[in-house]
Each structure stands twice: as C-alpha cells, then as structure tokens.
C-alpha atoms as a PDB file:
ATOM      1  CA  UNK A   1       0.000   0.000   0.000  1.00  0.00           C
ATOM      2  CA  UNK A   2       1.377   3.440  -0.882  1.00  0.00           C
ATOM      3  CA  UNK A   3       2.069   5.385   2.294  1.00  0.00           C
ATOM      4  CA  UNK A   4       3.175   8.909   3.077  1.00  0.00           C
ATOM      5  CA  UNK A   5       6.681   8.803   1.510  1.00  0.00           C
ATOM      6  CA  UNK A   6       5.511   7.300  -1.805  1.00  0.00           C
ATOM      7  CA  UNK A   7       2.456   9.549  -1.886  1.00  0.00           C
ATOM      8  CA  UNK A   8       4.681  12.571  -1.244  1.00  0.00           C
ATOM      9  CA  UNK A   9       6.939  11.374  -4.059  1.00  0.00           C
ATOM     10  CA  UNK A  10       3.936  11.217  -6.384  1.00  0.00           C
ATOM     11  CA  UNK A  11       2.833  14.694  -5.290  1.00  0.00           C
ATOM     12  CA  UNK A  12       6.266  16.186  -5.965  1.00  0.00           C
ATOM     13  CA  UNK A  13       6.341  14.470  -9.365  1.00  0.00           C
ATOM     14  CA  UNK A  14       2.866  15.698 -10.298  1.00  0.00           C
ATOM     15  CA  UNK A  15       3.529  19.218  -9.065  1.00  0.00           C
ATOM     16  CA  UNK A  16       6.474  19.458 -11.424  1.00  0.00           C
ATOM     17  CA  UNK A  17       4.540  18.003 -14.386  1.00  0.00           C
ATOM     18  CA  UNK A  18       0.944  19.179 -14.240  1.00  0.00           C
ATOM     19  CA  UNK A  19       0.904  22.633 -12.630  1.00  0.00           C
ATOM     20  CA  UNK A  20      -0.231  25.083 -15.291  1.00  0.00           C
ATOM     21  CA  UNK A  21      -1.702  22.399 -17.562  1.00  0.00           C
ATOM     22  CA  UNK A  22      -5.396  21.996 -18.325  1.00  0.00           C
ATOM     23  CA  UNK A  23      -7.461  18.847 -17.890  1.00  0.00           C
ATOM     24  CA  UNK A  24      -8.901  18.034 -21.300  1.00  0.00           C
ATOM     25  CA  UNK A  25     -10.605  14.784 -20.297  1.00  0.00           C
ATOM     26  CA  UNK A  26     -11.235  12.683 -17.190  1.00  0.00           C
ATOM     27  CA  UNK A  27     -12.611   9.264 -18.121  1.00  0.00           C
ATOM     28  CA  UNK A  28     -13.980   6.991 -15.386  1.00  0.00           C
ATOM     29  CA  UNK A  29     -13.473   3.307 -16.206  1.00  0.00           C
ATOM     30  CA  UNK A  30     -14.601   1.969 -12.830  1.00  0.00           C
ATOM     31  CA  UNK A  31     -17.662   3.911 -11.764  1.00  0.00           C
ATOM     32  CA  UNK A  32     -17.402   2.504  -8.224  1.00  0.00           C
ATOM     33  CA  UNK A  33     -14.130   4.406  -7.788  1.00  0.00           C
ATOM     34  CA  UNK A  34     -15.869   7.785  -8.148  1.00  0.00           C
ATOM     35  CA  UNK A  35     -17.312   8.632  -4.745  1.00  0.00           C
ATOM     36  CA  UNK A  36     -18.887  12.035  -5.481  1.00  0.00           C
ATOM     37  CA  UNK A  37     -21.325  13.492  -7.997  1.00  0.00           C
ATOM     38  CA  UNK A  38     -21.509  17.195  -7.089  1.00  0.00           C
ATOM     39  CA  UNK A  39     -19.609  18.800  -8.655  1.00  0.00           C
ATOM     40  CA  UNK A  40     -19.567  16.272 -11.522  1.00  0.00           C
ATOM     41  CA  UNK A  41     -16.202  15.083 -12.762  1.00  0.00           C
ATOM     42  CA  UNK A  42     -16.944  16.754 -16.109  1.00  0.00           C
ATOM     43  CA  UNK A  43     -16.699  20.086 -14.306  1.00  0.00           C
ATOM     44  CA  UNK A  44     -12.927  19.631 -14.333  1.00  0.00           C
ATOM     45  CA  UNK A  45     -12.770  19.573 -18.135  1.00  0.00           C
ATOM     46  CA  UNK A  46     -10.969  22.724 -19.257  1.00  0.00           C
ATOM     47  CA  UNK A  47      -9.814  23.549 -15.725  1.00  0.00           C
ATOM     48  CA  UNK A  48      -6.206  24.544 -15.105  1.00  0.00           C
ATOM     49  CA  UNK A  49      -4.307  22.595 -12.457  1.00  0.00           C
ATOM     50  CA  UNK A  50      -2.704  25.033 -10.049  1.00  0.00           C
ATOM     51  CA  UNK A  51      -1.007  22.715  -7.551  1.00  0.00           C
ATOM     52  CA  UNK A  52      -0.663  19.208  -6.128  1.00  0.00           C
ATOM     53  CA  UNK A  53      -0.751  18.490  -2.408  1.00  0.00           C
ATOM     54  CA  UNK A  54      -0.860  15.624   0.066  1.00  0.00           C
ATOM     55  CA  UNK A  55      -3.274  15.048   2.943  1.00  0.00           C
ATOM     56  CA  UNK A  56      -2.154  11.943   4.805  1.00  0.00           C
ATOM     57  CA  UNK A  57      -2.242   9.296   2.080  1.00  0.00           C
ATOM     58  CA  UNK A  58      -4.611  11.307  -0.144  1.00  0.00           C
ATOM     59  CA  UNK A  59      -3.374  13.144  -3.257  1.00  0.00           C
ATOM     60  CA  UNK A  60      -5.045  16.450  -4.083  1.00  0.00           C
ATOM     61  CA  UNK A  61      -4.944  18.106  -7.512  1.00  0.00           C
ATOM     62  CA  UNK A  62      -6.112  21.685  -7.052  1.00  0.00           C
ATOM     63  CA  UNK A  63      -7.800  23.156 -10.130  1.00  0.00           C
ATOM     64  CA  UNK A  64      -9.673  26.320 -10.969  1.00  0.00           C
ATOM     65  CA  UNK A  65     -12.914  24.280 -10.924  1.00  0.00           C
ATOM     66  CA  UNK A  66     -12.356  22.316  -7.714  1.00  0.00           C
ATOM     67  CA  UNK A  67     -10.190  19.585  -6.270  1.00  0.00           C
ATOM     68  CA  UNK A  68      -9.618  16.100  -7.611  1.00  0.00           C
ATOM     69  CA  UNK A  69      -8.676  14.075  -4.546  1.00  0.00           C
ATOM     70  CA  UNK A  70      -7.776  10.413  -4.759  1.00  0.00           C
ATOM     71  CA  UNK A  71      -6.676   7.622  -2.444  1.00  0.00           C
ATOM     72  CA  UNK A  72      -4.780   4.696  -3.958  1.00  0.00           C
ATOM     73  CA  UNK A  73      -5.869   2.230  -1.243  1.00  0.00           C
ATOM     74  CA  UNK A  74      -4.049  -1.094  -0.929  1.00  0.00           C
ATOM     75  CA  UNK A  75      -3.388  -2.010  -4.563  1.00  0.00           C
ATOM     76  CA  UNK A  76      -3.738   1.260  -6.460  1.00  0.00           C
ATOM     77  CA  UNK A  77      -1.089   3.206  -8.320  1.00  0.00           C
ATOM     78  CA  UNK A  78      -0.554   6.123 -10.694  1.00  0.00           C
ATOM     79  CA  UNK A  79       0.796   5.351 -14.163  1.00  0.00           C
ATOM     80  CA  UNK A  80       2.217   8.415 -15.890  1.00  0.00           C
ATOM     81  CA  UNK A  81       2.470   8.937 -19.667  1.00  0.00           C
ATOM     82  CA  UNK A  82       4.435  11.675 -21.377  1.00  0.00           C
ATOM     83  CA  UNK A  83       2.225  10.820 -24.370  1.00  0.00           C
ATOM     84  CA  UNK A  84      -1.141   9.463 -23.291  1.00  0.00           C
ATOM     85  CA  UNK A  85      -2.260   6.399 -25.297  1.00  0.00           C
ATOM     86  CA  UNK A  86      -5.154   6.950 -27.675  1.00  0.00           C
ATOM     87  CA  UNK A  87      -6.651   3.528 -26.949  1.00  0.00           C
ATOM     88  CA  UNK A  88     -10.235   3.450 -25.719  1.00  0.00           C
ATOM     89  CA  UNK A  89     -10.719   2.185 -22.178  1.00  0.00           C
ATOM     90  CA  UNK A  90     -13.307  -0.571 -21.876  1.00  0.00           C
ATOM     91  CA  UNK A  91     -14.930  -0.492 -18.438  1.00  0.00           C
ATOM     92  CA  UNK A  92     -14.802  -3.790 -16.596  1.00  0.00           C
ATOM     93  CA  UNK A  93     -11.968  -5.162 -18.710  1.00  0.00           C
ATOM     94  CA  UNK A  94      -9.071  -3.129 -17.394  1.00  0.00           C
ATOM     95  CA  UNK A  95      -7.276  -2.382 -14.130  1.00  0.00           C
ATOM     96  CA  UNK A  96      -7.657   1.315 -14.989  1.00  0.00           C
ATOM     97  CA  UNK A  97     -10.091   3.151 -12.725  1.00  0.00           C
ATOM     98  CA  UNK A  98      -9.584   6.660 -14.105  1.00  0.00           C
ATOM     99  CA  UNK A  99      -7.715   8.232 -17.030  1.00  0.00           C
ATOM    100  CA  UNK A 100      -6.828  11.935 -17.029  1.00  0.00           C
ATOM    101  CA  UNK A 101      -5.709  13.647 -20.246  1.00  0.00           C
ATOM    102  CA  UNK A 102      -3.807  16.927 -20.110  1.00  0.00           C
ATOM    103  CA  UNK A 103      -3.423  19.817 -22.508  1.00  0.00           C
ATOM    104  CA  UNK A 104       0.170  19.015 -23.559  1.00  0.00           C
ATOM    105  CA  UNK A 105      -0.704  15.448 -24.579  1.00  0.00           C
ATOM    106  CA  UNK A 106       0.511  13.877 -21.336  1.00  0.00           C
ATOM    107  CA  UNK A 107      -1.668  12.306 -18.680  1.00  0.00           C
ATOM    108  CA  UNK A 108      -2.034   9.511 -16.190  1.00  0.00           C
ATOM    109  CA  UNK A 109      -4.079   6.470 -15.267  1.00  0.00           C
ATOM    110  CA  UNK A 110      -5.126   5.482 -11.789  1.00  0.00           C
ATOM    111  CA  UNK A 111      -4.918   1.686 -11.739  1.00  0.00           C
ATOM    112  CA  UNK A 112      -5.844  -0.967  -9.206  1.00  0.00           C
ATOM    113  CA  UNK A 113      -4.698  -4.577  -9.158  1.00  0.00           C
ATOM    114  CA  UNK A 114      -6.691  -7.484  -7.740  1.00  0.00           C
ATOM    115  CA  UNK A 115     -10.404  -8.089  -7.350  1.00  0.00           C
ATOM    116  CA  UNK A 116     -10.985  -6.035  -4.207  1.00  0.00           C
ATOM    117  CA  UNK A 117     -11.515  -2.502  -5.493  1.00  0.00           C
ATOM    118  CA  UNK A 118     -10.924   0.194  -2.883  1.00  0.00           C
ATOM    119  CA  UNK A 119      -9.306   3.010  -4.886  1.00  0.00           C
ATOM    120  CA  UNK A 120     -11.345   6.175  -4.410  1.00  0.00           C
ATOM    121  CA  UNK A 121     -11.663   9.400  -6.409  1.00  0.00           C
ATOM    122  CA  UNK A 122     -13.463  12.517  -5.192  1.00  0.00           C
ATOM    123  CA  UNK A 123     -14.270  15.789  -6.958  1.00  0.00           C
ATOM    124  CA  UNK A 124     -14.927  18.389  -4.277  1.00  0.00           C
ATOM    125  CA  UNK A 125     -14.912  22.117  -3.694  1.00  0.00           C
ATOM    126  CA  UNK A 126     -12.742  21.736  -0.589  1.00  0.00           C
ATOM    127  CA  UNK A 127     -10.473  18.800   0.386  1.00  0.00           C
ATOM    128  CA  UNK A 128     -12.143  18.784   3.810  1.00  0.00           C
ATOM    129  CA  UNK A 129     -15.328  17.634   2.046  1.00  0.00           C
ATOM    130  CA  UNK A 130     -13.661  14.222   1.662  1.00  0.00           C
ATOM    131  CA  UNK A 131     -14.563  12.241   4.805  1.00  0.00           C
ATOM    132  CA  UNK A 132     -11.169  10.519   4.974  1.00  0.00           C
ATOM    133  CA  UNK A 133      -9.371  13.863   4.804  1.00  0.00           C
ATOM    134  CA  UNK A 134     -11.646  15.482   7.376  1.00  0.00           C
ATOM    135  CA  UNK A 135     -10.871  12.822   9.982  1.00  0.00           C
ATOM    136  CA  UNK A 136      -7.078  12.860   9.584  1.00  0.00           C
ATOM    137  CA  UNK A 137      -4.901  13.328  12.635  1.00  0.00           C
ATOM    138  CA  UNK A 138      -1.784  15.529  12.578  1.00  0.00           C
ATOM    139  CA  UNK A 139       0.913  14.890   9.991  1.00  0.00           C
ATOM    140  CA  UNK A 140       4.130  13.667  11.650  1.00  0.00           C
ATOM    141  CA  UNK A 141       6.318  15.614   9.210  1.00  0.00           C
ATOM    142  CA  UNK A 142       4.532  18.886   9.856  1.00  0.00           C
ATOM    143  CA  UNK A 143       6.783  21.283  11.809  1.00  0.00           C
ATOM    144  CA  UNK A 144       4.028  21.637  14.416  1.00  0.00           C
ATOM    145  CA  UNK A 145       4.197  17.900  15.206  1.00  0.00           C
ATOM    146  CA  UNK A 146       6.393  17.967  18.284  1.00  0.00           C
ATOM    147  CA  UNK A 147       7.430  15.419  20.867  1.00  0.00           C
ATOM    148  CA  UNK A 148       4.678  16.814  23.120  1.00  0.00           C
ATOM    149  CA  UNK A 149       2.143  16.330  20.314  1.00  0.00           C
ATOM    150  CA  UNK A 150       3.017  12.651  20.149  1.00  0.00           C
ATOM    151  CA  UNK A 151       2.938  12.295  23.932  1.00  0.00           C
ATOM    152  CA  UNK A 152      -0.572  13.777  24.055  1.00  0.00           C
ATOM    153  CA  UNK A 153      -1.764  11.456  21.273  1.00  0.00           C
ATOM    154  CA  UNK A 154      -0.504   8.396  23.159  1.00  0.00           C
ATOM    155  CA  UNK A 155      -1.671   9.411  26.625  1.00  0.00           C
ATOM    156  CA  UNK A 156      -4.342   7.135  28.039  1.00  0.00           C
ATOM    157  CA  UNK A 157      -4.647   4.939  24.942  1.00  0.00           C
ATOM    158  CA  UNK A 158      -4.771   1.284  25.953  1.00  0.00           C
ATOM    159  CA  UNK A 159      -4.124   0.320  22.356  1.00  0.00           C
ATOM    160  CA  UNK A 160      -1.140  -1.479  20.855  1.00  0.00           C
ATOM    161  CA  UNK A 161       1.338   1.041  19.487  1.00  0.00           C
ATOM    162  CA  UNK A 162       1.326  -0.626  16.062  1.00  0.00           C
ATOM    163  CA  UNK A 163      -2.390   0.104  15.780  1.00  0.00           C
ATOM    164  CA  UNK A 164      -1.963   3.676  16.982  1.00  0.00           C
ATOM    165  CA  UNK A 165       0.631   4.414  14.318  1.00  0.00           C
ATOM    166  CA  UNK A 166      -1.631   2.951  11.609  1.00  0.00           C
ATOM    167  CA  UNK A 167      -4.766   4.822  12.703  1.00  0.00           C
ATOM    168  CA  UNK A 168      -5.173   7.743  10.298  1.00  0.00           C
ATOM    169  CA  UNK A 169      -7.419   9.615  12.720  1.00  0.00           C
ATOM    170  CA  UNK A 170      -4.554   9.676  15.246  1.00  0.00           C
ATOM    171  CA  UNK A 171      -1.486  10.147  13.006  1.00  0.00           C
ATOM    172  CA  UNK A 172      -1.862  10.842   9.294  1.00  0.00           C
ATOM    173  CA  UNK A 173       0.033   9.044   6.568  1.00  0.00           C
ATOM    174  CA  UNK A 174       1.672   6.082   8.329  1.00  0.00           C
ATOM    175  CA  UNK A 175       0.510   2.595   7.356  1.00  0.00           C
ATOM    176  CA  UNK A 176       1.505  -1.004   7.859  1.00  0.00           C
ATOM    177  CA  UNK A 177       4.950  -0.824   6.256  1.00  0.00           C
ATOM    178  CA  UNK A 178       6.318   2.321   7.878  1.00  0.00           C
ATOM    179  CA  UNK A 179       4.855   1.497  11.276  1.00  0.00           C
ATOM    180  CA  UNK A 180       7.012  -1.664  11.163  1.00  0.00           C
ATOM    181  CA  UNK A 181      10.013   0.442  10.200  1.00  0.00           C
ATOM    182  CA  UNK A 182       9.428   3.071  12.868  1.00  0.00           C
ATOM    183  CA  UNK A 183       9.018   0.484  15.615  1.00  0.00           C
ATOM    184  CA  UNK A 184      12.189  -1.304  14.553  1.00  0.00           C
ATOM    185  CA  UNK A 185      14.203   1.918  14.695  1.00  0.00           C
ATOM    186  CA  UNK A 186      12.608   2.730  18.072  1.00  0.00           C
ATOM    187  CA  UNK A 187      13.431  -0.818  19.305  1.00  0.00           C
ATOM    188  CA  UNK A 188       9.847  -1.226  20.447  1.00  0.00           C
ATOM    189  CA  UNK A 189       7.431  -4.152  20.395  1.00  0.00           C
ATOM    190  CA  UNK A 190       4.451  -3.666  18.068  1.00  0.00           C
ATOM    191  CA  UNK A 191       2.277  -4.982  20.903  1.00  0.00           C
ATOM    192  CA  UNK A 192       3.395  -2.417  23.491  1.00  0.00           C
ATOM    193  CA  UNK A 193       0.429  -0.451  24.846  1.00  0.00           C
ATOM    194  CA  UNK A 194       0.574   3.238  23.969  1.00  0.00           C
ATOM    195  CA  UNK A 195      -0.419   4.221  27.505  1.00  0.00           C
ATOM    196  CA  UNK A 196       2.431   2.168  28.994  1.00  0.00           C
ATOM    197  CA  UNK A 197       5.218   4.105  27.269  1.00  0.00           C
ATOM    198  CA  UNK A 198       7.377   6.199  29.562  1.00  0.00           C
ATOM    199  CA  UNK A 199       9.161   9.415  28.695  1.00  0.00           C
ATOM    200  CA  UNK A 200      12.235   7.677  27.264  1.00  0.00           C
ATOM    201  CA  UNK A 201      10.002   5.441  25.128  1.00  0.00           C
ATOM    202  CA  UNK A 202       8.165   8.459  23.729  1.00  0.00           C
ATOM    203  CA  UNK A 203      11.487  10.144  22.961  1.00  0.00           C
ATOM    204  CA  UNK A 204      12.689   7.108  20.995  1.00  0.00           C
ATOM    205  CA  UNK A 205       9.404   6.722  19.175  1.00  0.00           C
ATOM    206  CA  UNK A 206       9.275  10.407  18.243  1.00  0.00           C
ATOM    207  CA  UNK A 207      12.846  10.440  16.937  1.00  0.00           C
ATOM    208  CA  UNK A 208      12.283   7.171  15.049  1.00  0.00           C
ATOM    209  CA  UNK A 209       9.089   8.492  13.436  1.00  0.00           C
ATOM    210  CA  UNK A 210      10.674  11.722  12.260  1.00  0.00           C
ATOM    211  CA  UNK A 211      13.896  10.059  11.111  1.00  0.00           C
ATOM    212  CA  UNK A 212      12.293   7.127   9.302  1.00  0.00           C
ATOM    213  CA  UNK A 213       9.702   9.171   7.428  1.00  0.00           C
ATOM    214  CA  UNK A 214      12.077  12.006   6.540  1.00  0.00           C
ATOM    215  CA  UNK A 215      14.608   9.563   5.089  1.00  0.00           C
ATOM    216  CA  UNK A 216      11.917   7.734   3.124  1.00  0.00           C
ATOM    217  CA  UNK A 217      10.481  10.977   1.728  1.00  0.00           C
ATOM    218  CA  UNK A 218      13.976  12.098   0.699  1.00  0.00           C
ATOM    219  CA  UNK A 219      14.523   8.766  -1.060  1.00  0.00           C
ATOM    220  CA  UNK A 220      11.201   9.085  -2.900  1.00  0.00           C
ATOM    221  CA  UNK A 221      11.562  12.718  -3.950  1.00  0.00           C
ATOM    222  CA  UNK A 222      12.611  13.189  -7.551  1.00  0.00           C
ATOM    223  CA  UNK A 223      11.750   9.660  -8.669  1.00  0.00           C
ATOM    224  CA  UNK A 224       9.137   8.981 -11.363  1.00  0.00           C
ATOM    225  CA  UNK A 225       6.102   6.908 -10.335  1.00  0.00           C
ATOM    226  CA  UNK A 226       7.463   3.787 -12.052  1.00  0.00           C
ATOM    227  CA  UNK A 227      10.502   3.763  -9.733  1.00  0.00           C
ATOM    228  CA  UNK A 228       8.865   4.558  -6.406  1.00  0.00           C
ATOM    229  CA  UNK A 229       7.761   1.040  -5.446  1.00  0.00           C
ATOM    230  CA  UNK A 230      11.224  -0.440  -5.975  1.00  0.00           C
ATOM    231  CA  UNK A 231      12.794   2.433  -4.033  1.00  0.00           C
ATOM    232  CA  UNK A 232      10.419   1.716  -1.145  1.00  0.00           C
ATOM    233  CA  UNK A 233      11.255  -1.994  -1.080  1.00  0.00           C
ATOM    234  CA  UNK A 234      14.996  -1.332  -1.179  1.00  0.00           C
ATOM    235  CA  UNK A 235      14.769   1.045   1.755  1.00  0.00           C
ATOM    236  CA  UNK A 236      12.924  -1.297   4.108  1.00  0.00           C
ATOM    237  CA  UNK A 237      14.760  -2.581   7.196  1.00  0.00           C
ATOM    238  CA  UNK A 238      12.285  -5.244   8.348  1.00  0.00           C
ATOM    239  CA  UNK A 239       8.980  -4.830   6.531  1.00  0.00           C
ATOM    240  CA  UNK A 240       8.624  -7.384   3.760  1.00  0.00           C
ATOM    241  CA  UNK A 241      11.950  -8.985   4.754  1.00  0.00           C
ATOM    242  CA  UNK A 242      10.774 -12.073   6.637  1.00  0.00           C
ATOM    243  CA  UNK A 243      13.554 -14.668   6.899  1.00  0.00           C
ATOM    244  CA  UNK A 244      16.315 -12.149   6.185  1.00  0.00           C
ATOM    245  CA  UNK A 245      18.879 -10.829   8.655  1.00  0.00           C
ATOM    246  CA  UNK A 246      18.072  -7.828  10.816  1.00  0.00           C
ATOM    247  CA  UNK A 247      20.346  -4.974   9.661  1.00  0.00           C
ATOM    248  CA  UNK A 248      21.132  -4.055  13.273  1.00  0.00           C
ATOM    249  CA  UNK A 249      21.766  -7.348  15.084  1.00  0.00           C
ATOM    250  CA  UNK A 250      21.729 -10.091  12.446  1.00  0.00           C
ATOM    251  CA  UNK A 251      18.823 -12.008  13.993  1.00  0.00           C
ATOM    252  CA  UNK A 252      16.162 -13.361  11.618  1.00  0.00           C
ATOM    253  CA  UNK A 253      13.317 -10.986  10.757  1.00  0.00           C
ATOM    254  CA  UNK A 254      10.014 -12.610  11.699  1.00  0.00           C
ATOM    255  CA  UNK A 255       6.378 -12.082  10.724  1.00  0.00           C
ATOM    256  CA  UNK A 256       3.010 -12.204  12.406  1.00  0.00           C
ATOM    257  CA  UNK A 257       0.193 -12.800   9.938  1.00  0.00           C
ATOM    258  CA  UNK A 258      -3.318 -11.409  10.133  1.00  0.00           C
ATOM    259  CA  UNK A 259      -6.329 -11.752   7.829  1.00  0.00           C
ATOM    260  CA  UNK A 260      -5.205  -9.267   5.208  1.00  0.00           C
ATOM    261  CA  UNK A 261      -1.720  -8.153   6.234  1.00  0.00           C
ATOM    262  CA  UNK A 262       1.363  -9.061   8.215  1.00  0.00           C
ATOM    263  CA  UNK A 263       3.786  -7.258  10.454  1.00  0.00           C
ATOM    264  CA  UNK A 264       7.540  -7.791  10.504  1.00  0.00           C
ATOM    265  CA  UNK A 265       9.846  -7.325  13.475  1.00  0.00           C
ATOM    266  CA  UNK A 266      13.155  -8.375  15.035  1.00  0.00           C
ATOM    267  CA  UNK A 267      12.755 -10.292  18.296  1.00  0.00           C
ATOM    268  CA  UNK A 268      16.246  -9.383  19.516  1.00  0.00           C
ATOM    269  CA  UNK A 269      15.853  -5.646  18.870  1.00  0.00           C
ATOM    270  CA  UNK A 270      12.193  -5.209  19.742  1.00  0.00           C
ATOM    271  CA  UNK A 271      10.736  -7.870  22.041  1.00  0.00           C
ATOM    272  CA  UNK A 272      13.610  -8.906  24.302  1.00  0.00           C
ATOM    273  CA  UNK A 273      14.058 -12.108  22.316  1.00  0.00           C
ATOM    274  CA  UNK A 274      10.408 -13.161  22.600  1.00  0.00           C
ATOM    275  CA  UNK A 275       8.953 -14.596  19.382  1.00  0.00           C
ATOM    276  CA  UNK A 276       5.420 -13.315  18.825  1.00  0.00           C
ATOM    277  CA  UNK A 277       2.730 -15.901  18.102  1.00  0.00           C
ATOM    278  CA  UNK A 278       1.698 -16.454  14.486  1.00  0.00           C
ATOM    279  CA  UNK A 279      -2.011 -15.629  14.438  1.00  0.00           C
ATOM    280  CA  UNK A 280      -2.724 -18.092  11.613  1.00  0.00           C
ATOM    281  CA  UNK A 281      -1.365 -21.024  13.624  1.00  0.00           C
ATOM    282  CA  UNK A 282      -3.217 -19.864  16.736  1.00  0.00           C
ATOM    283  CA  UNK A 283      -6.520 -19.959  14.859  1.00  0.00           C
ATOM    284  CA  UNK A 284      -5.837 -23.473  13.564  1.00  0.00           C
ATOM    285  CA  UNK A 285      -5.105 -24.755  17.060  1.00  0.00           C
ATOM    286  CA  UNK A 286      -8.349 -23.456  18.560  1.00  0.00           C
END
C-alpha cells in the first residue's frame, strides 16, 4: 500500500509536471471508484491545475474548478504517460479506474490490481469535504508535530502502538509498512500499549518516526512513479523482509500474519528475544 513517503513522491512528481496544464478529459473506467457526484467530474474539463498536495495518504490536484482528490488504497497506483495512449478504455476489462488527459498530450491512469476494489476518487470544492481527509490526525512531518504532540496522542490509549501508528485519525500518513520500520528503529514491540510508554520510550518513538519518514520521503523525492515502489522496497529494514537478517543485530526478521496483512519485526531488537505468536497457527489450534 502506498504510504506517506511514496504519496509525497507522487505529489512532488505531479507538481512538477501538471501545474499550469489543463485537464482536457477525465474518463472513469470503474464507476465505483468515483465517490462524489456534485460537482460532476466533467466540471474539471478545461480547468487549469494550479497545484498538487498531500493530505495523509490522499493526493489532491487543485484546479480552478475544484479539487480532484484520490486515495490509492491497498493495490492502487498512478501510471504516468508523457504521451497518453489513444486507446479506448473498456470499463470492466481493465485495471484502470480513471484516465486523465492533459493539454500538452501527457496524462495519467489510476490503476488498481486485484479483485478487491478500494481506490477512491473525489471531486470536491474543498479537500475537507472528503470524509477521509476530514478525519485525519496531525501529519508527523509537519513542523508543528512535536514530541509533546506525540505524547498527548498516546496518553491514556490502551491500544497497541502498532495500531496507533496505523490509525489515520490519530497520526496521518503512516501505514503497515512504515509502522514496522518506525518500531524497529525505536526498538519497540508492536504490541506495546501506547499508555504504557514512559518518557524515554516516547522520545525514541518520536525520533524514530521523524527520522524514518524524513529519510523515506527524501529517497522518494525526484523519482518517477514507475521507480517509487522499488525504491520503497529497497529502503525497508524489516517490513517485507521475513527470513532475512536484521540490519542491526543479524537475527532473523520474523512475521506475524493477520487476515489481510502481516507485520515484521526483530525479536532481539524489539521484544527482548520473545517470538510473537503467528495468528494463523493460533486460529488453527483453537
């Protein structure tokens, strides 16, 4: 799933390519992806794009006629074309959810792999009209996100820290992958309760969050969309690296599997050597 660093990379790429161009066509291939009807998507035809921005994991194209806001969900991506293909999109027979044509002949597709379709596109007058944007918590890379901000967000929450980091209404932009990375850098168990963290724990978690995300955003900036996924995978310390050696201690990176995702961690660095139970095996034994 694209998270804050990759989304920021896409925003920087789009800002440098589309600002000042006009939308000549926006073709919806998967009608379920379009979540709004007022204003209609056709209202963007002929509108100049003035900027691109990020809200958590949402991408926002600001135009003279409104905002096109989209969320790539778990399996979505943006495919850029310097010269947009002239082929006709056949709804229901393509992974393309939306095609946007621009005034210089370039454009992009929003695509989604797999059968579960969660990619979402909104055309709104204000980004806050998108429910997912309206409920976002503070952005951890915003200068106003301080150590005290994090401490206040964690205070009193009897919730596992992994879940807190992934909850967009608490902290915007962090998902499954970067929460694994942050917790590894912080040397913290994903199952630690947020309310149980002491001052030193909060310090480590704050520094790890800022450091991990800033480095990932720097690595993503300047790369075209086609290169961002590989850059993300190369930069991972533990996420997606089950069975490989921990870069810090050399122990084996382990996974815990859930219904639709997994988490990766190092037992030596994060759990005092304790191996966390595999949820799939636990269900089979019941």
